[in-house]
Amino acid sequence: MKNMICIVCPIGCKMTILEDSSQASGLKVIGNKCPRGVDYAVRELTNPTRPLTTTVSIKNGLLNRLPVRTDRDIPKEKIFEVMKEISKIEVNAPIKSKEVILSNVLGTGANVIASRSMD
């Protein structure tokens, strides 16, 4: 049994997740007010993912750090490995918002993109 609060919408349903072999996922979710809660709970317990936001070094820019983010969630267990790869990056200004800084980081399918433009 696992208890969690759903973060998909502002309601914040308090859910209980039980093992249940009769369900396709092998889990039964109780306490959700919408189907999104079930999806969130199953995903969180079977394959948790997170968006990643950080900064990279930028040369010749207005500031010395450029905010970047992944364009999709990445597996939670790869966050520190991805951060290690991102820490090696240094870009040159100008950079446009949503410009790809690093493609398919560590084979996750996620690109690291600029969160803002910088001249």
Protein backbone atom coordinates (compact mmCIF):
# COMPACT_ATOMS: atom_id res chain seq x y z
CA MET A 1 0.00 0.00 0.00
CA LYS A 2 1.21 3.48 -0.90
CA ASN A 3 -0.39 6.86 -0.17
CA MET A 4 0.18 9.89 -2.37
CA ILE A 5 -1.34 13.22 -3.29
CA CYS A 6 -2.11 13.75 -6.94
CA ILE A 7 -0.45 16.84 -8.44
CA VAL A 8 -2.09 16.72 -11.88
CA CYS A 9 -4.70 19.37 -11.04
CA PRO A 10 -5.42 21.82 -8.18
CA ILE A 11 -7.79 19.44 -6.35
CA GLY A 12 -4.88 17.44 -4.87
CA CYS A 13 -6.71 14.15 -4.34
CA LYS A 14 -5.40 11.98 -1.53
CA MET A 15 -4.99 8.57 -3.12
CA THR A 16 -4.18 5.10 -1.88
CA ILE A 17 -2.56 2.66 -4.26
CA LEU A 18 -2.87 -1.07 -3.69
CA GLU A 19 -1.47 -4.06 -5.54
CA ASP A 20 -4.25 -5.70 -7.56
CA SER A 21 -3.50 -8.40 -10.11
CA SER A 22 -6.94 -7.98 -11.69
CA GLN A 23 -5.91 -4.53 -13.01
CA ALA A 24 -3.86 -4.22 -16.22
CA SER A 25 -1.26 -2.14 -14.38
CA GLY A 26 -1.25 -4.45 -11.36
CA LEU A 27 -2.30 -1.47 -9.21
CA LYS A 28 -5.65 -0.26 -7.89
CA VAL A 29 -6.01 3.46 -7.16
CA ILE A 30 -8.54 4.68 -4.59
CA GLY A 31 -9.44 8.29 -3.79
CA ASN A 32 -8.94 9.91 -7.18
CA LYS A 33 -11.72 12.18 -8.43
CA CYS A 34 -10.81 11.83 -12.12
CA PRO A 35 -9.07 9.31 -14.41
CA ARG A 36 -5.96 11.50 -14.57
CA GLY A 37 -5.24 10.56 -10.96
CA VAL A 38 -5.05 6.89 -11.88
CA ASP A 39 -2.67 7.64 -14.76
CA TYR A 40 -0.48 9.80 -12.52
CA ALA A 41 -0.32 7.22 -9.70
CA VAL A 42 0.51 4.31 -11.99
CA ARG A 43 3.14 6.32 -13.88
CA GLU A 44 4.67 7.60 -10.63
CA LEU A 45 5.00 4.09 -9.18
CA THR A 46 6.10 2.27 -12.34
CA ASN A 47 8.13 4.82 -14.33
CA PRO A 48 8.52 8.17 -12.55
CA THR A 49 9.62 11.07 -14.76
CA ARG A 50 10.39 14.72 -14.14
CA PRO A 51 11.03 17.86 -16.17
CA LEU A 52 14.51 19.26 -15.65
CA THR A 53 15.38 22.95 -15.46
CA THR A 54 18.86 24.35 -14.88
CA THR A 55 21.38 26.74 -16.41
CA VAL A 56 24.41 26.48 -18.69
CA SER A 57 27.38 28.76 -19.13
CA ILE A 58 27.08 31.30 -21.96
CA LYS A 59 29.85 33.39 -23.49
CA ASN A 60 29.33 36.91 -24.83
CA GLY A 61 25.82 37.08 -23.40
CA LEU A 62 24.03 39.72 -21.37
CA LEU A 63 24.36 37.35 -18.37
CA ASN A 64 26.86 34.57 -17.72
CA ARG A 65 24.25 31.78 -17.30
CA LEU A 66 21.49 30.75 -19.71
CA PRO A 67 18.36 29.07 -18.32
CA VAL A 68 17.61 25.76 -20.03
CA ARG A 69 15.09 22.95 -19.65
CA THR A 70 14.22 19.60 -21.11
CA ASP A 71 11.46 19.70 -23.71
CA ARG A 72 9.84 16.63 -22.12
CA ASP A 73 10.04 14.74 -18.87
CA ILE A 74 13.00 12.43 -18.35
CA PRO A 75 13.27 9.30 -16.19
CA LYS A 76 13.77 10.32 -12.58
CA GLU A 77 16.72 7.94 -12.15
CA LYS A 78 18.63 9.71 -14.96
CA ILE A 79 18.38 13.25 -13.57
CA PHE A 80 21.86 13.31 -12.03
CA GLU A 81 23.46 11.77 -15.14
CA VAL A 82 21.71 14.34 -17.34
CA MET A 83 22.84 17.16 -15.04
CA LYS A 84 26.43 15.93 -15.37
CA GLU A 85 26.15 16.13 -19.19
CA ILE A 86 24.53 19.57 -19.07
CA SER A 87 27.25 20.88 -16.75
CA LYS A 88 29.81 20.30 -19.54
CA ILE A 89 28.01 22.67 -21.93
CA GLU A 90 29.08 26.20 -22.75
CA VAL A 91 27.23 28.09 -25.50
CA ASN A 92 27.90 31.34 -27.32
CA ALA A 93 25.43 34.20 -27.56
CA PRO A 94 23.18 34.95 -29.30
CA ILE A 95 20.75 32.15 -28.44
CA LYS A 96 17.05 32.10 -29.26
CA SER A 97 14.35 30.82 -26.92
CA LYS A 98 13.59 27.11 -27.50
CA GLU A 99 16.83 26.62 -29.45
CA VAL A 100 18.13 23.08 -28.95
CA ILE A 101 21.27 23.12 -26.83
CA LEU A 102 21.70 19.33 -26.51
CA SER A 103 19.75 16.78 -28.58
CA ASN A 104 18.41 13.48 -27.23
CA VAL A 105 20.31 13.79 -23.96
CA LEU A 106 21.56 10.34 -22.86
CA GLY A 107 19.11 8.62 -25.22
CA THR A 108 16.07 9.83 -23.26
CA GLY A 109 14.41 11.37 -26.33
CA ALA A 110 14.45 14.73 -24.56
CA ASN A 111 16.25 17.77 -25.90
CA VAL A 112 17.77 20.42 -23.66
CA ILE A 113 16.45 23.76 -24.95
CA ALA A 114 17.00 27.41 -24.08
CA SER A 115 14.29 28.83 -21.83
CA ARG A 116 14.91 32.38 -23.05
CA SER A 117 16.67 34.29 -25.76
CA MET A 118 19.93 35.99 -24.92
CA ASP A 119 22.01 38.43 -26.95
